[in-house]
Amino acid sequence: MTLNLFIQPPYRAETSTMYPVSCRSLAINSEVASVLAGYVLMSALAVGMYWLDKQRAARGEWRITELTLHGIEMLGGWPGAWVAQRMFRHKWKKTRYMIVFRAIVATHALAWMWWFGMLG
């Protein structure tokens, strides 16, 4: 199976060749790629912060505030935070924390739906 990156335009008598994806589509794709790169970076930061917080909790040291963790999640690090919660078994049993976390995930889902025109 091959991935075809060309879109067949409406048939025109003067040409029957395939055109590459439009400039507008490329701009949207590069915007999406930039946002996804931000998600990857913030997710890596989230995993690191969860690991650090878990280590500090085990040693009884000063902890990273939940507000800071939620801020990283809101800036796109929620996928990494979700992985870290399961990997380190950290914060995933705290009901209040998870309610806010799920609200952040829902906010991101709605934002993506809005961006792609799925909300009307």
Protein backbone atom coordinates (compact mmCIF):
# COMPACT_ATOMS: atom_id res chain seq x y z
CA MET A 1 0.00 0.00 0.00
CA THR A 2 1.42 3.41 -0.93
CA LEU A 3 0.64 6.79 0.52
CA ASN A 4 -0.55 9.14 -2.20
CA LEU A 5 0.17 12.76 -1.32
CA PHE A 6 -1.57 14.11 -4.40
CA ILE A 7 -5.17 15.14 -4.73
CA GLN A 8 -6.95 14.61 -8.02
CA PRO A 9 -8.41 17.96 -9.09
CA PRO A 10 -11.67 18.20 -11.01
CA TYR A 11 -11.13 17.08 -14.60
CA ARG A 12 -10.01 19.83 -16.93
CA ALA A 13 -9.75 19.38 -20.67
CA GLU A 14 -6.40 21.19 -20.88
CA THR A 15 -4.70 18.90 -18.39
CA SER A 16 -5.15 15.47 -16.96
CA THR A 17 -2.17 15.40 -14.57
CA MET A 18 -2.41 15.21 -10.81
CA TYR A 19 -1.62 18.34 -8.83
CA PRO A 20 0.16 18.38 -5.50
CA VAL A 21 -1.74 19.32 -2.36
CA SER A 22 -2.78 22.98 -2.37
CA CYS A 23 -0.73 25.65 -0.64
CA ARG A 24 -3.54 26.18 1.87
CA SER A 25 -3.47 22.50 2.79
CA LEU A 26 0.30 22.61 3.18
CA ALA A 27 0.00 25.65 5.48
CA ILE A 28 -2.56 23.88 7.62
CA ASN A 29 -0.42 20.75 7.68
CA SER A 30 2.65 22.74 8.75
CA GLU A 31 0.59 24.44 11.47
CA VAL A 32 -0.62 21.06 12.71
CA ALA A 33 2.95 19.74 12.61
CA SER A 34 4.12 22.71 14.69
CA VAL A 35 1.39 22.17 17.26
CA LEU A 36 2.15 18.45 17.42
CA ALA A 37 5.84 19.23 17.93
CA GLY A 38 4.78 21.41 20.87
CA TYR A 39 2.75 18.52 22.25
CA VAL A 40 5.80 16.25 22.04
CA LEU A 41 8.06 18.78 23.81
CA MET A 42 5.53 19.57 26.54
CA SER A 43 4.78 15.86 27.00
CA ALA A 44 8.48 15.16 27.53
CA LEU A 45 8.57 18.00 30.06
CA ALA A 46 5.47 16.59 31.78
CA VAL A 47 7.02 13.12 32.10
CA GLY A 48 10.14 14.66 33.60
CA MET A 49 8.16 16.77 36.05
CA TYR A 50 6.03 13.81 37.15
CA TRP A 51 9.18 11.72 37.64
CA LEU A 52 10.80 14.51 39.67
CA ASP A 53 7.67 15.00 41.77
CA LYS A 54 7.43 11.26 42.43
CA GLN A 55 11.11 11.15 43.50
CA ARG A 56 10.64 14.12 45.80
CA ALA A 57 7.50 12.58 47.30
CA ALA A 58 9.38 9.36 48.06
CA ARG A 59 12.17 11.32 49.81
CA GLY A 60 9.78 13.64 51.65
CA GLU A 61 11.21 16.71 49.92
CA TRP A 62 9.59 19.84 48.51
CA ARG A 63 7.06 18.90 45.81
CA ILE A 64 6.08 20.36 42.47
CA THR A 65 2.73 22.08 42.85
CA GLU A 66 -0.35 20.63 41.19
CA LEU A 67 -0.90 24.02 39.57
CA THR A 68 2.47 23.70 37.82
CA LEU A 69 1.67 20.16 36.63
CA HIS A 70 -1.74 21.25 35.37
CA GLY A 71 -0.15 24.24 33.63
CA ILE A 72 2.21 21.94 31.71
CA GLU A 73 -0.75 19.72 30.82
CA MET A 74 -2.75 22.71 29.59
CA LEU A 75 0.15 23.85 27.39
CA GLY A 76 0.03 20.53 25.54
CA GLY A 77 1.76 18.12 27.89
CA TRP A 78 -1.33 16.13 28.80
CA PRO A 79 -0.40 13.05 26.68
CA GLY A 80 2.94 12.79 28.48
CA ALA A 81 1.25 13.41 31.82
CA TRP A 82 -1.19 10.59 31.11
CA VAL A 83 1.70 8.23 30.31
CA ALA A 84 3.64 9.36 33.38
CA GLN A 85 0.63 8.84 35.65
CA ARG A 86 0.52 5.21 34.63
CA MET A 87 4.27 4.70 34.40
CA PHE A 88 5.06 6.11 37.85
CA ARG A 89 1.66 5.41 39.44
CA HIS A 90 1.55 9.03 40.43
CA LYS A 91 -1.49 11.32 40.84
CA TRP A 92 -3.86 8.98 39.00
CA LYS A 93 -5.78 8.03 42.18
CA LYS A 94 -6.32 11.60 43.37
CA THR A 95 -9.93 12.29 42.41
CA ARG A 96 -9.75 16.08 42.50
CA TYR A 97 -6.55 16.11 40.49
CA MET A 98 -7.97 13.74 37.88
CA ILE A 99 -11.15 15.81 37.47
CA VAL A 100 -9.03 18.82 36.50
CA PHE A 101 -6.80 16.62 34.31
CA ARG A 102 -9.81 15.25 32.43
CA ALA A 103 -11.19 18.76 31.97
CA ILE A 104 -7.85 19.77 30.40
CA VAL A 105 -7.96 16.77 28.04
CA ALA A 106 -11.57 17.61 27.10
CA THR A 107 -10.57 21.22 26.44
CA HIS A 108 -7.84 20.06 24.07
CA ALA A 109 -10.23 17.68 22.31
CA LEU A 110 -12.75 20.50 21.83
CA ALA A 111 -10.02 22.83 20.55
CA TRP A 112 -8.95 20.26 17.94
CA MET A 113 -12.57 19.71 16.93
CA TRP A 114 -13.06 23.46 16.55
CA TRP A 115 -9.84 23.82 14.54
CA PHE A 116 -10.91 21.13 12.09
CA GLY A 117 -14.43 22.53 11.83
CA MET A 118 -16.23 19.71 13.57
CA LEU A 119 -18.20 21.98 15.91
CA GLY A 120 -20.35 23.60 13.30
